[in-house]
Amino acid sequence: MKIVSIITQKGGAGKTTIATALAVAAQKDGLNTAILDLDDQATSCFWGDIRTSQDHSPALAVKDVKAVRLPHVLDALKQAGCDLAILDCPAIHRDVAMDAATPSDFVLIPTRADVFDIRSMRQTVDLMKSIDKPCAVVLNFCPPVGRELGDAREGIKGIGVELCPVELHHRKAYSRAQQLGQTAQESEPSSLAAQEIIGLYT
């Protein structure tokens, strides 16, 4: 079983949108996939509840998990034949970030393309470097125009962390899909948002 964590120390970076979208992409790709929601706000779980109530396919396991129980839950998923576990982590909580990152094969760090988010994101990068954990930054909510995106790319390169080649833009398709318990590649499969998620998953 592979484990991917979505971690960043700043709220509002789009962790849950990315976690749910990647999970659906993996499930559609034939992987038995689960989302573990470590955030007390339980946004992934709320999304999963909507999804279950509307009987969307493919079915997807979404579990509310406390960090202290994470090793047990991961072991149970492995025994049950899970191929991929995606951990949706809370902002701010350094201890939870460490608990999630430690068993993970890879950590994806979403950030907005602005100076304050990049600064906060660096804390997460430093945390991953301290435990020698493979990670990459993905730019999210990217603006359609302006110099911010180019500045953000340069800033991330200066930190010395891998930058994901796929960027996610500020598109309404993401939020519309969330309200339906879906992802952009399901609700609007021909949209640019869907193409971005498929690219990110690939």
Protein backbone atom coordinates (compact mmCIF):
# COMPACT_ATOMS: atom_id res chain seq x y z
CA MET A 1 0.00 0.00 0.00
CA LYS A 2 1.20 3.49 -0.88
CA ILE A 3 0.52 6.47 1.39
CA VAL A 4 0.36 10.08 0.21
CA SER A 5 -0.15 12.98 2.62
CA ILE A 6 -1.48 16.40 1.70
CA ILE A 7 0.15 18.75 4.21
CA THR A 8 0.64 22.47 4.61
CA GLN A 9 0.80 24.63 7.71
CA LYS A 10 -1.53 27.31 6.33
CA GLY A 11 -5.29 26.97 6.01
CA GLY A 12 -7.16 27.64 2.78
CA ALA A 13 -4.59 26.07 0.48
CA GLY A 14 -7.03 23.54 -0.99
CA LYS A 15 -5.83 20.36 0.73
CA THR A 16 -9.25 18.70 0.79
CA THR A 17 -10.06 19.54 -2.83
CA ILE A 18 -6.77 17.99 -3.90
CA ALA A 19 -7.12 14.96 -1.61
CA THR A 20 -10.62 14.10 -2.82
CA ALA A 21 -9.83 14.73 -6.48
CA LEU A 22 -6.69 12.57 -6.40
CA ALA A 23 -8.54 9.81 -4.55
CA VAL A 24 -11.28 9.67 -7.19
CA ALA A 25 -8.67 9.71 -9.96
CA ALA A 26 -6.88 6.77 -8.32
CA GLN A 27 -10.13 4.86 -7.79
CA LYS A 28 -11.07 5.35 -11.44
CA ASP A 29 -7.59 4.10 -12.32
CA GLY A 30 -8.39 0.80 -10.62
CA LEU A 31 -6.73 1.41 -7.26
CA ASN A 32 -8.56 0.53 -4.06
CA THR A 33 -8.30 3.96 -2.42
CA ALA A 34 -9.18 5.51 0.93
CA ILE A 35 -9.10 9.06 2.28
CA LEU A 36 -8.16 9.48 5.93
CA ASP A 37 -9.38 12.82 7.30
CA LEU A 38 -7.12 13.95 10.15
CA ASP A 39 -8.62 17.44 10.38
CA ASP A 40 -11.07 18.21 13.19
CA GLN A 41 -13.13 20.19 10.67
CA ALA A 42 -13.70 16.87 8.85
CA THR A 43 -14.25 18.49 5.45
CA SER A 44 -13.31 15.35 3.53
CA CYS A 45 -15.80 13.41 5.63
CA PHE A 46 -18.57 15.89 4.88
CA TRP A 47 -17.73 15.56 1.19
CA GLY A 48 -17.83 11.78 1.57
CA ASP A 49 -21.23 11.95 3.29
CA ILE A 50 -22.67 13.93 0.38
CA ARG A 51 -21.09 11.52 -2.06
CA THR A 52 -22.55 8.49 -0.28
CA SER A 53 -26.02 10.05 0.00
CA GLN A 54 -26.09 10.69 -3.75
CA ASP A 55 -24.65 7.26 -4.56
CA HIS A 56 -21.82 8.51 -6.72
CA SER A 57 -19.57 6.00 -8.42
CA PRO A 58 -16.89 4.92 -7.81
CA ALA A 59 -17.55 4.26 -4.13
CA LEU A 60 -14.80 5.65 -1.94
CA ALA A 61 -13.89 5.03 1.69
CA VAL A 62 -13.53 8.26 3.68
CA LYS A 63 -12.66 7.89 7.36
CA ASP A 64 -12.43 10.37 10.21
CA VAL A 65 -9.20 9.47 12.01
CA LYS A 66 -7.42 10.85 15.05
CA ALA A 67 -3.66 11.02 14.63
CA VAL A 68 -3.07 8.74 17.62
CA ARG A 69 -4.99 5.95 15.84
CA LEU A 70 -3.36 6.47 12.45
CA PRO A 71 -0.91 3.53 12.62
CA HIS A 72 -3.74 1.14 13.52
CA VAL A 73 -6.02 2.43 10.76
CA LEU A 74 -3.26 2.28 8.15
CA ASP A 75 -2.47 -1.30 9.15
CA ALA A 76 -6.15 -2.25 8.91
CA LEU A 77 -6.40 -0.70 5.44
CA LYS A 78 -3.31 -2.58 4.30
CA GLN A 79 -4.73 -5.85 5.58
CA ALA A 80 -8.01 -5.10 3.78
CA GLY A 81 -6.22 -4.73 0.45
CA CYS A 82 -6.11 -0.96 0.12
CA ASP A 83 -3.74 0.18 -2.64
CA LEU A 84 -3.56 3.89 -1.83
CA ALA A 85 -4.28 5.89 1.32
CA ILE A 86 -4.48 9.67 1.01
CA LEU A 87 -4.14 11.61 4.26
CA ASP A 88 -5.95 14.95 4.41
CA CYS A 89 -4.15 16.85 7.17
CA PRO A 90 -5.12 19.93 9.20
CA ALA A 91 -3.36 23.26 9.00
CA ILE A 92 -1.17 24.57 11.83
CA HIS A 93 -0.78 21.26 13.71
CA ARG A 94 2.92 20.41 13.46
CA ASP A 95 2.53 17.21 15.51
CA VAL A 96 -0.24 15.87 13.28
CA ALA A 97 1.82 16.76 10.22
CA MET A 98 4.69 14.69 11.58
CA ASP A 99 2.38 11.79 12.46
CA ALA A 100 1.02 11.79 8.91
CA ALA A 101 4.31 12.36 7.10
CA THR A 102 6.28 9.68 8.94
CA PRO A 103 4.51 6.64 7.39
CA SER A 104 3.93 8.37 4.04
CA ASP A 105 5.72 7.49 0.84
CA PHE A 106 5.26 11.01 -0.48
CA VAL A 107 4.00 14.40 0.73
CA LEU A 108 2.26 16.89 -1.51
CA ILE A 109 2.39 20.49 -0.23
CA PRO A 110 -0.23 22.81 -1.76
CA THR A 111 0.22 26.56 -1.63
CA ARG A 112 -1.30 29.66 -3.10
CA ALA A 113 0.94 31.82 -5.28
CA ASP A 114 1.37 34.70 -2.85
CA VAL A 115 4.16 35.77 -0.55
CA PHE A 116 2.46 34.95 2.76
CA ASP A 117 1.42 31.45 1.68
CA ILE A 118 4.87 30.75 0.25
CA ARG A 119 6.40 31.83 3.56
CA SER A 120 4.09 29.51 5.54
CA MET A 121 4.66 26.70 3.06
CA ARG A 122 8.40 26.89 3.73
CA GLN A 123 7.76 25.73 7.31
CA THR A 124 6.18 22.56 5.94
CA VAL A 125 9.07 22.03 3.52
CA ASP A 126 11.59 22.42 6.34
CA LEU A 127 9.61 19.92 8.42
CA MET A 128 9.70 17.36 5.59
CA LYS A 129 13.42 17.93 5.04
CA SER A 130 14.05 17.33 8.75
CA ILE A 131 12.75 13.76 8.39
CA ASP A 132 14.12 13.29 4.85
CA LYS A 133 10.63 12.80 3.42
CA PRO A 134 10.13 12.98 -0.38
CA CYS A 135 7.83 15.90 -1.16
CA ALA A 136 6.79 18.39 -3.81
CA VAL A 137 4.96 21.70 -3.80
CA VAL A 138 1.88 22.17 -5.98
CA LEU A 139 0.72 25.70 -6.80
CA ASN A 140 -3.04 25.98 -6.24
CA PHE A 141 -5.64 28.70 -6.87
CA CYS A 142 -3.29 30.14 -9.48
CA PRO A 143 -4.40 33.48 -10.94
CA PRO A 144 -4.97 33.68 -14.71
CA VAL A 145 -2.77 36.75 -15.14
CA GLY A 146 -0.15 38.75 -13.26
CA ARG A 147 3.43 38.27 -12.14
CA GLU A 148 2.53 36.43 -8.92
CA LEU A 149 2.74 32.98 -10.50
CA GLY A 150 6.20 33.56 -11.96
CA ASP A 151 7.40 35.03 -8.68
CA ALA A 152 6.01 32.04 -6.79
CA ARG A 153 7.79 29.57 -9.08
CA GLU A 154 11.08 31.36 -8.56
CA GLY A 155 10.55 31.56 -4.81
CA ILE A 156 9.86 27.85 -4.54
CA LYS A 157 12.93 26.99 -6.61
CA GLY A 158 14.97 29.14 -4.24
CA ILE A 159 13.80 27.05 -1.30
CA GLY A 160 15.25 23.96 -2.94
CA VAL A 161 12.12 21.82 -3.08
CA GLU A 162 10.62 20.04 -6.07
CA LEU A 163 7.85 21.98 -7.81
CA CYS A 164 5.04 19.94 -9.32
CA PRO A 165 4.90 20.51 -13.11
CA VAL A 166 1.09 20.73 -12.98
CA GLU A 167 -0.52 23.84 -11.51
CA LEU A 168 -4.13 24.14 -10.37
CA HIS A 169 -5.94 27.35 -11.23
CA HIS A 170 -8.76 29.20 -9.55
CA ARG A 171 -11.69 27.52 -11.33
CA LYS A 172 -15.35 27.32 -10.33
CA ALA A 173 -15.54 23.70 -11.45
CA TYR A 174 -13.68 22.66 -8.30
CA SER A 175 -16.13 24.24 -5.85
CA ARG A 176 -19.20 23.23 -7.88
CA ALA A 177 -18.08 19.60 -7.79
CA GLN A 178 -17.39 19.66 -4.04
CA GLN A 179 -20.97 20.72 -3.33
CA LEU A 180 -22.18 17.58 -5.13
CA GLY A 181 -19.82 15.17 -3.41
CA GLN A 182 -17.93 14.87 -6.67
CA THR A 183 -14.69 16.06 -8.21
CA ALA A 184 -14.15 18.24 -11.27
CA GLN A 185 -13.22 15.27 -13.45
CA GLU A 186 -16.61 13.71 -12.64
CA SER A 187 -18.99 16.67 -12.75
CA GLU A 188 -17.31 18.50 -15.64
CA PRO A 189 -15.04 15.96 -17.37
CA SER A 190 -14.21 18.24 -20.30
CA SER A 191 -13.26 21.21 -18.11
CA LEU A 192 -9.78 22.62 -17.66
CA ALA A 193 -10.06 21.77 -13.95
CA ALA A 194 -10.58 18.10 -14.84
CA GLN A 195 -7.53 18.17 -17.08
CA GLU A 196 -5.45 19.69 -14.29
CA ILE A 197 -6.42 16.99 -11.81
CA ILE A 198 -5.76 14.19 -14.28
CA GLY A 199 -2.38 15.75 -14.98
CA LEU A 200 -1.59 16.04 -11.29
CA TYR A 201 -2.58 12.43 -10.67
CA THR A 202 -0.54 11.22 -13.62
